[in-house]
Each structure stands twice: as structure tokens, then as C-alpha cells.
Amino acid sequence: MEKTFRLLVINPGSTSTKIAVYHNECQVFEKVLRHPAQEIKKYPTIYDQLDFRKDVIIDTLRDNDISPDGFDAVVARGGNMKPVSGGTYRINRQMLQDLRIGIMGHHASNLGAIIAYDIAGKSNIPSYVVDPVIVDELEELARFSGLPEIQRKAKDHPLNQRAAARRAAAELGGEYKQFNFLVAHMGGGISVGVHKKGRIIDVNNVLDGDGPFSPERAGGLPVGSLIDLCYSGRYTRDEIRKKVVGGGGLVAYLGTNDGREVIKMIENGDRYAELVYRAMAYQASKEIGAGAAVLMGSVDAIVLTGGLARDEVLVGWIKEKVSFIARVMVYPGEFEMSALAEGAIRVLNGKEKAKNYI
């Protein structure tokens, strides 16, 4: 009889922390812990929030009659550590050190492993991260940018991309590593990953705004025009970055980052809103087509995931343009919490070995 492993899953965001309890792959409890802006502002740095966030998690578990000591492992969303290949990593002191200094940047997700390690340490159980945001498996050719001073990097949605790809592989009757997929995660940013037999060998750097424009990102801009804008004297460096990441795309064109609002505009006869939304689908489709060239046409399926994959209109426009390449499979929403649990379970039941972070 298969052993039942009890897991605590932790996923910190900028103004919230998602927690969940899993019995193997079955979720039995979930809670989104909201952190009001006035509360967060009390802390000078992200790392000063550590005890506050950890205490809220422990208190919430106890309030729901869940013992913080009753788990077999704690698993968290991975933050900005050194680039690694995909997989499940046991949290160690080197990882904690790199997250604390923000070796690849500072983000609330950096707290995930630190909190998980602290909670797990009190019960002497293992703690893990799975497919952290800095997974980098790019092939050599994909790293060239055109300037020696700039190397292309993988900063995208590896956790959710891989989770959706695993679901597609199961539906096709096999394992993730047996297939070639093009996976488009469509949320606040749009990342299109080229998955070749279990590795993401190419992907746009969505965290820096590269690739298709999206609800909150400007996407790949004409370089000359961007240089002119940077030196126009109208914007500071931080203001330009905000226009590219956070204030670009649908926000810049239509004043909203919500695809549902855009659909309402279109239904009310807003021709410009439809044109912008179609252009976003057009650019996403182009990125998928580019990925097909990387795989030389050997594509088992195109996988659409993320919040925007719930929008049948947008998905329909993308299907019209890319379905000649391969079957299009749609898995709406995000699977971060279940993907974290599944990664830990694969290690605990011996299907995979935990990787060592060095």
C-alpha cells in the first residue's frame, strides 16, 4: 500500500502568502494569507518580513487544527538563487545564503525557502524547492543576443510551464521527458518555452519584458526607438523600467491588465480594444512559431496555460494561427501549489532524486 506523505506548501508573493496542505497529490487545505500594504511597509526589506510571515503561517495552521509538526516535508516556491537546471532541490545553507543576499535579485519568493527550512528544521524533516524561477537550461545558441556584453537569460515561469507540460504528457499517454512541447504561460507576462525531452532549451526572458507584449509587459520593443525614449529626458531609469515591466502592454494601451475587462470593451463595440487584444494574440503566436523552428517542426503539442488561457476568445485567435504546427492543448489557470507538492512527492516516493544546490 502506498505511503501517504503529508506536505506543507508555501508560496510567498509580494502582498500575500499562499499555503496549502497536501496528502500526496491531494490538496486537503488551502489559504491565501493577505498582507495589507500598511503592514508590509513596516519592514525596510523583504527579509525583515521573515518572522512576520512565518508567524502568520504557523498561527493559521493552528487556527485550523493543523499541527505544524505533523508533516513529512515542507516545500516552497524557489526564489532568485543561482541559475540551476529544473527539478526538486533540497534546501541547504548555500541556497539560504544566496537567497538572503539576493544573488539574482530581491523578491518575496526568496523568503519561501528560508521559511520552509525554519519550519522543517524544528521537526527534523526535509525541505525543498521545485523548479525555481531562475531555472536555466538554455542551449548554447539560445544565449547569444547580438552583443557580447549582453547574454540572453532564462527568467520565465518554469514551475507552471512544466506542470502544464506534465499534464499534457499524461494526457498523451507518456512521461514529460518523452515529448517535445511548446508551452505558453499567459498571465501578467507571456512566456513561451521550448521543451525538448524534459528540458526548457529556449524561452523569452519575460521577467525583463522580452517576448510578446502582455497584460503588464511591453514585450520586445524596437531597440532604436527604445534608446531614443531612454535619452529623451522625459523619464528616469526607474520610470522606463516600469513602462517596460508592469506598465506596458494592455495597461499602456487600454488602462487595464484584466483580460475580462478587455473582453467587455470588445463586446461593447470598442474596435481599438479588439485590435490591441488581437495584436497580443498575434505576438504570442509568432513566439510559438519561432519555438517550432527551434524544434525543426518536431512538436508533439502546443500547451497553453496561465490565467489568460481561460479566455476562449484569445485562445481561439492563437489556435487559428498555430494549430497547423501541432495539436493545441489548453490547461487554464496556474498549478504552482500542486506542482510544488508533486515535485516533493516524486522525491519522497523515490521516483526522482533531490538535487544538490551548490
Protein backbone atom coordinates (compact mmCIF):
# COMPACT_ATOMS: atom_id res chain seq x y z
CA MET A 1 0.00 0.00 0.00
CA GLU A 2 1.34 3.42 -0.99
CA LYS A 3 2.52 5.57 1.90
CA THR A 4 0.66 8.85 2.41
CA PHE A 5 3.02 11.80 2.74
CA ARG A 6 1.77 14.99 4.40
CA LEU A 7 3.23 18.17 2.93
CA LEU A 8 3.13 21.86 3.80
CA VAL A 9 3.41 24.01 0.67
CA ILE A 10 4.43 27.68 0.90
CA ASN A 11 4.32 30.24 -1.93
CA PRO A 12 5.14 33.86 -0.95
CA GLY A 13 4.12 36.74 -3.18
CA SER A 14 4.58 40.49 -2.82
CA THR A 15 1.42 41.11 -0.77
CA SER A 16 0.25 37.60 0.09
CA THR A 17 1.46 34.14 1.04
CA LYS A 18 -0.33 31.06 -0.29
CA ILE A 19 -0.16 27.97 1.89
CA ALA A 20 -1.61 24.52 1.36
CA VAL A 21 -1.57 21.08 2.92
CA TYR A 22 -1.34 18.03 0.67
CA HIS A 23 -1.75 14.33 1.38
CA ASN A 24 0.36 13.05 -1.50
CA GLU A 25 -1.06 14.86 -4.57
CA CYS A 26 -4.43 15.56 -2.89
CA GLN A 27 -4.92 19.06 -1.52
CA VAL A 28 -6.78 19.00 1.80
CA PHE A 29 -6.32 22.64 2.87
CA GLU A 30 -5.51 25.93 1.17
CA LYS A 31 -5.40 29.52 2.34
CA VAL A 32 -4.26 32.80 0.83
CA LEU A 33 -2.83 34.96 3.61
CA ARG A 34 -3.24 38.61 2.59
CA HIS A 35 -0.66 41.11 3.82
CA PRO A 36 -2.04 44.68 3.76
CA ALA A 37 0.24 47.31 2.25
CA GLN A 38 0.42 49.21 5.55
CA GLU A 39 1.68 46.04 7.25
CA ILE A 40 4.32 45.33 4.61
CA LYS A 41 5.55 48.95 4.74
CA LYS A 42 6.63 48.45 8.36
CA TYR A 43 9.56 46.34 7.15
CA PRO A 44 12.54 48.08 5.49
CA THR A 45 13.50 45.00 3.44
CA ILE A 46 11.84 41.78 2.24
CA TYR A 47 13.95 39.79 4.69
CA ASP A 48 12.70 41.85 7.64
CA GLN A 49 9.27 40.30 6.88
CA LEU A 50 10.54 36.79 7.65
CA ASP A 51 9.31 36.35 11.23
CA PHE A 52 6.03 38.13 10.48
CA ARG A 53 5.21 35.87 7.53
CA LYS A 54 6.34 32.71 9.31
CA ASP A 55 4.24 33.52 12.40
CA VAL A 56 1.14 34.15 10.24
CA ILE A 57 1.61 30.72 8.62
CA ILE A 58 2.01 28.92 11.96
CA ASP A 59 -0.95 30.75 13.52
CA THR A 60 -3.16 29.95 10.52
CA LEU A 61 -2.29 26.25 10.70
CA ARG A 62 -3.06 26.11 14.42
CA ASP A 63 -6.30 28.07 13.97
CA ASN A 64 -7.37 25.33 11.57
CA ASP A 65 -6.34 22.49 13.90
CA ILE A 66 -3.31 21.59 11.78
CA SER A 67 -0.17 20.80 13.73
CA PRO A 68 2.96 22.48 12.28
CA ASP A 69 4.86 19.40 13.49
CA GLY A 70 2.76 16.84 11.62
CA PHE A 71 4.37 16.97 8.18
CA ASP A 72 6.78 14.72 6.30
CA ALA A 73 8.29 17.63 4.35
CA VAL A 74 7.90 21.34 3.66
CA VAL A 75 8.17 22.58 0.07
CA ALA A 76 8.34 26.18 -1.13
CA ARG A 77 8.45 28.25 -4.26
CA GLY A 78 12.08 28.85 -5.22
CA GLY A 79 13.37 32.41 -5.41
CA ASN A 80 16.29 34.23 -7.02
CA MET A 81 19.18 31.89 -6.31
CA LYS A 82 21.90 31.00 -8.82
CA PRO A 83 20.60 29.59 -12.13
CA VAL A 84 20.00 25.83 -11.97
CA SER A 85 18.55 23.07 -14.11
CA GLY A 86 14.97 22.04 -13.45
CA GLY A 87 13.98 19.66 -10.70
CA THR A 88 13.46 19.39 -6.94
CA TYR A 89 16.23 20.75 -4.73
CA ARG A 90 16.80 20.09 -1.06
CA ILE A 91 17.17 23.43 0.72
CA ASN A 92 20.66 23.86 2.13
CA ARG A 93 22.72 26.62 3.73
CA GLN A 94 24.29 27.72 0.44
CA MET A 95 20.83 28.26 -1.05
CA LEU A 96 19.72 30.22 2.01
CA GLN A 97 22.81 32.41 1.84
CA ASP A 98 22.30 33.18 -1.86
CA LEU A 99 18.63 33.99 -1.30
CA ARG A 100 19.41 36.33 1.61
CA ILE A 101 21.94 38.34 -0.38
CA GLY A 102 19.66 38.30 -3.45
CA ILE A 103 22.37 36.94 -5.73
CA MET A 104 19.96 37.15 -8.71
CA GLY A 105 17.62 39.80 -7.33
CA HIS A 106 15.30 40.50 -4.42
CA HIS A 107 11.71 39.25 -4.44
CA ALA A 108 9.23 37.96 -1.87
CA SER A 109 9.67 34.46 -3.33
CA ASN A 110 13.19 34.50 -1.82
CA LEU A 111 11.51 34.07 1.58
CA GLY A 112 9.88 30.75 0.62
CA ALA A 113 12.90 28.52 1.09
CA ILE A 114 14.00 30.37 4.22
CA ILE A 115 10.60 29.93 5.89
CA ALA A 116 10.33 26.29 4.77
CA TYR A 117 13.80 25.50 6.12
CA ASP A 118 12.98 27.07 9.50
CA ILE A 119 9.66 25.23 9.89
CA ALA A 120 11.10 21.91 8.71
CA GLY A 121 14.14 22.25 10.97
CA LYS A 122 12.01 22.30 14.11
CA SER A 123 10.65 18.83 13.20
CA ASN A 124 13.85 17.48 11.64
CA ILE A 125 12.16 16.85 8.28
CA PRO A 126 13.38 17.71 4.76
CA SER A 127 12.54 20.94 2.95
CA TYR A 128 12.57 21.51 -0.81
CA VAL A 129 12.09 23.97 -3.64
CA VAL A 130 10.85 22.87 -7.08
CA ASP A 131 11.67 24.42 -10.49
CA PRO A 132 12.63 27.86 -9.12
CA VAL A 133 12.11 30.99 -11.22
CA ILE A 134 15.74 31.02 -12.33
CA VAL A 135 15.75 27.56 -13.96
CA ASP A 136 18.16 27.98 -16.87
CA GLU A 137 18.58 25.09 -19.31
CA LEU A 138 19.13 27.19 -22.42
CA GLU A 139 21.12 25.65 -25.22
CA GLU A 140 24.31 27.42 -26.25
CA LEU A 141 22.86 29.05 -29.36
CA ALA A 142 19.92 30.49 -27.39
CA ARG A 143 22.23 32.54 -25.17
CA PHE A 144 23.52 34.85 -27.92
CA SER A 145 21.89 38.28 -28.04
CA GLY A 146 23.87 40.04 -30.75
CA LEU A 147 26.11 41.95 -28.31
CA PRO A 148 28.94 40.26 -26.37
CA GLU A 149 28.11 42.42 -23.34
CA ILE A 150 24.57 41.02 -23.16
CA GLN A 151 23.78 37.32 -22.78
CA ARG A 152 20.23 36.04 -23.04
CA LYS A 153 18.91 34.55 -19.78
CA ALA A 154 16.00 32.32 -18.83
CA LYS A 155 13.64 34.16 -16.49
CA ASP A 156 10.13 32.91 -17.00
CA HIS A 157 7.51 30.57 -15.46
CA PRO A 158 9.28 27.18 -15.27
CA LEU A 159 7.16 25.82 -12.40
CA ASN A 160 3.81 26.33 -14.11
CA GLN A 161 5.13 25.62 -17.61
CA ARG A 162 6.46 22.24 -16.51
CA ALA A 163 3.32 21.43 -14.52
CA ALA A 164 1.15 22.05 -17.59
CA ALA A 165 3.55 20.07 -19.79
CA ARG A 166 3.40 17.12 -17.39
CA ARG A 167 -0.40 17.18 -17.64
CA ALA A 168 -0.18 17.22 -21.41
CA ALA A 169 2.26 14.29 -21.37
CA ALA A 170 -0.06 12.27 -19.14
CA GLU A 171 -3.00 13.01 -21.47
CA LEU A 172 -0.87 11.83 -24.39
CA GLY A 173 -0.14 8.61 -22.51
CA GLY A 174 3.51 9.12 -21.64
CA GLU A 175 6.10 10.89 -19.49
CA TYR A 176 7.15 14.55 -19.78
CA LYS A 177 10.68 13.60 -20.89
CA GLN A 178 9.35 11.67 -23.88
CA PHE A 179 7.87 14.70 -25.68
CA ASN A 180 8.67 18.00 -27.37
CA PHE A 181 6.30 20.76 -26.29
CA LEU A 182 5.85 24.46 -26.92
CA VAL A 183 4.37 25.84 -23.70
CA ALA A 184 2.89 29.34 -23.49
CA HIS A 185 2.23 30.59 -19.97
CA MET A 186 -0.13 33.54 -20.36
CA GLY A 187 -0.58 35.66 -17.25
CA GLY A 188 0.68 39.15 -16.36
CA GLY A 189 3.57 38.23 -18.63
CA ILE A 190 3.62 35.77 -21.53
CA SER A 191 6.49 33.27 -21.67
CA VAL A 192 6.85 30.68 -24.43
CA GLY A 193 9.16 27.81 -23.56
CA VAL A 194 10.65 25.27 -25.93
CA HIS A 195 10.54 21.97 -24.01
CA LYS A 196 12.76 19.33 -25.61
CA LYS A 197 12.59 15.92 -23.96
CA GLY A 198 12.27 17.35 -20.45
CA ARG A 199 14.47 20.47 -20.78
CA ILE A 200 13.47 24.07 -21.47
CA ILE A 201 16.09 24.78 -24.11
CA ASP A 202 14.84 28.24 -25.12
CA VAL A 203 12.41 30.78 -23.66
CA ASN A 204 11.87 34.53 -23.68
CA ASN A 205 13.02 36.46 -20.61
CA VAL A 206 9.55 37.51 -19.53
CA LEU A 207 10.68 38.99 -16.19
CA ASP A 208 12.62 41.65 -18.10
CA GLY A 209 9.81 42.23 -20.59
CA ASP A 210 11.16 40.20 -23.52
CA GLY A 211 8.90 38.35 -25.95
CA PRO A 212 5.24 39.10 -26.74
CA PHE A 213 3.58 42.09 -25.12
CA SER A 214 1.17 41.02 -22.41
CA PRO A 215 -1.24 42.46 -19.83
CA GLU A 216 1.61 44.16 -17.92
CA ARG A 217 4.74 43.96 -20.09
CA ALA A 218 5.78 45.84 -23.19
CA GLY A 219 7.47 42.84 -24.80
CA GLY A 220 10.37 43.03 -27.26
CA LEU A 221 10.49 46.69 -28.37
CA PRO A 222 12.17 48.27 -31.43
CA VAL A 223 15.63 48.91 -29.99
CA GLY A 224 16.34 52.22 -31.71
CA SER A 225 13.05 53.73 -30.58
CA LEU A 226 13.62 52.48 -27.03
CA ILE A 227 17.09 54.09 -26.97
CA ASP A 228 15.55 57.38 -28.13
CA LEU A 229 12.93 57.15 -25.38
CA CYS A 230 15.59 56.43 -22.74
CA TYR A 231 17.58 59.54 -23.72
CA SER A 232 14.61 61.82 -24.37
CA GLY A 233 14.91 63.38 -20.90
CA ARG A 234 11.25 62.63 -20.22
CA TYR A 235 11.76 59.59 -18.00
CA THR A 236 14.08 58.36 -15.29
CA ARG A 237 15.67 54.93 -15.46
CA ASP A 238 13.12 53.55 -12.98
CA GLU A 239 10.24 55.08 -14.94
CA ILE A 240 11.43 53.45 -18.17
CA ARG A 241 11.72 50.07 -16.42
CA LYS A 242 8.19 50.50 -15.07
CA LYS A 243 6.90 51.21 -18.58
CA VAL A 244 8.56 48.02 -19.85
CA VAL A 245 7.67 45.74 -16.91
CA GLY A 246 4.46 46.48 -15.04
CA GLY A 247 3.15 49.40 -17.04
CA GLY A 248 3.37 48.13 -20.61
CA GLY A 249 1.15 46.00 -22.82
CA LEU A 250 -2.58 46.11 -22.13
CA VAL A 251 -2.04 48.52 -19.22
CA ALA A 252 -0.36 51.03 -21.52
CA TYR A 253 -2.81 50.64 -24.40
CA LEU A 254 -6.10 50.15 -22.57
CA GLY A 255 -5.54 51.07 -18.92
CA THR A 256 -6.22 47.58 -17.57
CA ASN A 257 -4.30 44.34 -17.02
CA ASP A 258 -7.50 42.29 -16.84
CA GLY A 259 -8.40 40.32 -19.96
CA ARG A 260 -12.00 40.10 -18.76
CA GLU A 261 -12.26 43.88 -18.85
CA VAL A 262 -10.86 43.92 -22.38
CA ILE A 263 -13.48 41.40 -23.50
CA LYS A 264 -16.19 43.66 -22.06
CA MET A 265 -14.76 46.58 -24.05
CA ILE A 266 -14.84 44.48 -27.20
CA GLU A 267 -18.41 43.33 -26.54
CA ASN A 268 -19.39 46.98 -26.15
CA GLY A 269 -18.06 47.73 -29.63
CA ASP A 270 -14.59 49.07 -28.81
CA ARG A 271 -12.75 48.43 -32.06
CA TYR A 272 -9.40 49.66 -30.72
CA ALA A 273 -9.56 47.27 -27.74
CA GLU A 274 -10.17 44.37 -30.13
CA LEU A 275 -7.22 45.44 -32.28
CA VAL A 276 -4.88 45.56 -29.27
CA TYR A 277 -6.08 42.21 -27.94
CA ARG A 278 -5.70 40.60 -31.36
CA ALA A 279 -2.18 42.05 -31.59
CA MET A 280 -1.29 40.36 -28.29
CA ALA A 281 -2.54 37.02 -29.63
CA TYR A 282 -0.61 37.70 -32.86
CA GLN A 283 2.66 38.25 -30.99
CA ALA A 284 2.14 35.18 -28.77
CA SER A 285 1.51 33.13 -31.91
CA LYS A 286 4.71 34.45 -33.52
CA GLU A 287 6.70 33.42 -30.44
CA ILE A 288 5.18 29.92 -30.63
CA GLY A 289 6.08 29.75 -34.33
CA ALA A 290 9.68 30.71 -33.51
CA GLY A 291 9.80 27.87 -30.98
CA ALA A 292 8.63 25.46 -33.66
CA ALA A 293 11.65 26.48 -35.75
CA VAL A 294 13.97 25.69 -32.81
CA LEU A 295 12.50 22.18 -32.70
CA MET A 296 12.71 21.96 -36.51
CA GLY A 297 8.99 21.22 -36.62
CA SER A 298 9.21 18.20 -34.30
CA VAL A 299 6.44 19.37 -31.95
CA ASP A 300 4.20 16.88 -30.15
CA ALA A 301 1.83 19.53 -28.81
CA ILE A 302 1.40 23.23 -28.10
CA VAL A 303 0.33 23.82 -24.50
CA LEU A 304 -1.50 26.98 -23.41
CA THR A 305 -1.71 27.71 -19.68
CA GLY A 306 -1.99 30.60 -17.21
CA GLY A 307 -4.93 32.82 -16.35
CA LEU A 308 -5.44 34.10 -19.90
CA ALA A 309 -5.88 30.53 -21.13
CA ARG A 310 -9.37 30.75 -19.60
CA ASP A 311 -10.29 33.28 -22.30
CA GLU A 312 -11.82 31.32 -25.17
CA VAL A 313 -11.61 34.33 -27.49
CA LEU A 314 -7.87 34.81 -27.04
CA VAL A 315 -7.22 31.08 -27.16
CA GLY A 316 -9.29 30.82 -30.33
CA TRP A 317 -7.24 33.51 -32.07
CA ILE A 318 -3.98 31.76 -31.12
CA LYS A 319 -5.30 28.37 -32.25
CA GLU A 320 -6.20 29.83 -35.66
CA LYS A 321 -2.56 30.77 -36.20
CA VAL A 322 -0.62 27.86 -34.69
CA SER A 323 -2.77 24.73 -34.94
CA PHE A 324 -1.07 23.84 -38.26
CA ILE A 325 2.11 23.21 -36.24
CA ALA A 326 0.71 20.68 -33.76
CA ARG A 327 -2.25 19.85 -31.56
CA VAL A 328 -3.12 22.65 -29.13
CA MET A 329 -3.83 21.55 -25.55
CA VAL A 330 -5.26 24.04 -23.03
CA TYR A 331 -4.78 23.91 -19.24
CA PRO A 332 -6.21 27.17 -17.87
CA GLY A 333 -5.00 28.77 -14.66
CA GLU A 334 -1.86 28.10 -12.70
CA PHE A 335 -0.70 24.93 -10.98
CA GLU A 336 2.05 26.30 -8.75
CA MET A 337 0.85 24.80 -5.47
CA SER A 338 0.12 21.35 -6.90
CA ALA A 339 3.37 21.44 -8.91
CA LEU A 340 5.35 22.13 -5.72
CA ALA A 341 3.63 19.23 -3.95
CA GLU A 342 4.11 16.87 -6.89
CA GLY A 343 7.82 17.71 -7.11
CA ALA A 344 8.35 16.85 -3.45
CA ILE A 345 6.27 13.66 -3.71
CA ARG A 346 8.36 12.41 -6.64
CA VAL A 347 11.39 12.65 -4.36
CA LEU A 348 9.75 11.21 -1.25
CA ASN A 349 8.40 8.15 -3.08
CA GLY A 350 11.71 7.52 -4.82
CA LYS A 351 10.71 8.37 -8.41
CA GLU A 352 13.29 11.17 -8.52
CA LYS A 353 16.37 12.12 -6.51
CA ALA A 354 16.55 15.52 -4.84
CA LYS A 355 19.20 17.68 -6.47
CA ASN A 356 22.00 19.37 -4.53
CA TYR A 357 22.32 23.15 -4.78
CA ILE A 358 25.95 24.30 -4.90
